[in-house]
Amino acid sequence: MVPADAAYWYSWSQVPGLGSVLLKRLWQHFGDLKTAWEASVETLGKVEGIGAKLQGAIAHYRQQCQPLALYEHHCQQNPHHWVLSDPRYPPLLREIPDPPPLLYYGGTRILEILSQPTPTVAIVGTRDPSESEYAQRWAHKLGYALAQAGFIVVSGMAAGIDGAAHRGSLEAGGATLAVLATGVDMIYPPENRSLYYQIRERGGFLSEYPRGVGADRPQFPRRNRIIAGLCRAVIIAEAPYKSGALITARYAAEYGRDVYVLPGHLDNHRAKGALSLVNQGAQIILGEEALLEQLGHTPPLDPTPFSAPPPTLSPPQQQILEAIQQLSQGSNSVAFDDIVQRVPLETGVVMAELMHLELTGWVEQQPGNRYRKTSR
């Protein structure tokens, strides 16, 4: 049954400047988004993070928007989705600080798979694995072993490690979920066309993007938080320092998930990012049986959709936030290049941490690759 406030979830998600963190806070504050939609602007201002500028944007948007008509039109193009208040929404994903307000799904078995209390484990890694095929072979072996043991294998359907993990699960006759950075009807990368059709028939797809949305670079780090949020544990098979897989691992640690690392060769630069996670508490995988034993001893998570603590800032995030605040004196936003010049961090690290700050509501991206600190 579709929640009574489903149309309002969609309308709220279209308000400029209102991200998933604030939208979840609105839901928690008012109990349902229809009530929030009908609340006065002054009452909305009592929700942390909704300042005067955003109040004005909300008031302007509400004047032009007809939620029921807008949602009906959206459903004609995207009938297969859940809003966050839908009881069918994956409970582990709902508990993270910034869950997708609308989650789109596809695939023949997706409803069957998610209706079962089956544990989910993610396997992710580099799109460009080492030539020895060691990491790809092990991603396939682990996907196969996990599927045989009754786990749902989750990955991002990227080239390299992700594809190997999906294929291992499928070859074992198991279920696999692909979390896409595009609409669920889009095949990306094109070389995974055959894999896409296999997953469509025997597994399922999830995405926060509606049908027809193609690939765009900023969408991939956002996708990684969904992979981490969906799963009880995340396995990093191989990843260099500048890798989306490491972003997934950071999200997993923040969300209280277990992180496992496939040991790699120290001479292999593609493995060093993953190995660095061991110093941060990740566990090393010593074989399929050892992994299954570790996962079997892991206590299940108790989903608590309304009590996720606000995320804390890491030292790099604090540096970036302070730089934006200092550089924006007399201006509303700061250019990305100016931030890079101001903080003693590599460009890739700044980009990843800015994405994290945006997702958690600390900064807001402006046109022209500029950033501003929010009123949070």
Foldseek 3Di string as FASTA:
>chain_A
DADPQLLLLVLQCPQPPQAQLQSLQLCLVQVGRVSVLPDQLVVSCVRPQCDDVSSVSSVVSSVVDDSVVVVVVVCVQAVAKHALPDPLPQLLQLAASGHQRIKGKAADCASVVSVDPAAEEEEDADLDDDPVCPLLVVLLVLLLLCQLVGYEYEYALHHDSRLSSLVSNVVNVGEYEHEYLFALVDDPPPVCVVVSVSNRHRYMYMYSYHPPGDDDVLSLLVSLLSRLSNHQEYEYRWAAQLGSSVSSVVSNVQSVHAYEYEDDDPVDRRHVNRVVCVVVPHHYDPDNVVVVVVVVPDDDDDRDSNDRDQDDDDVVLVLLLVQFVVVQVVHAWAALVSSCVRDPDDSSVSVSSVSVCVSSSQWDADPPRIIGGGSD
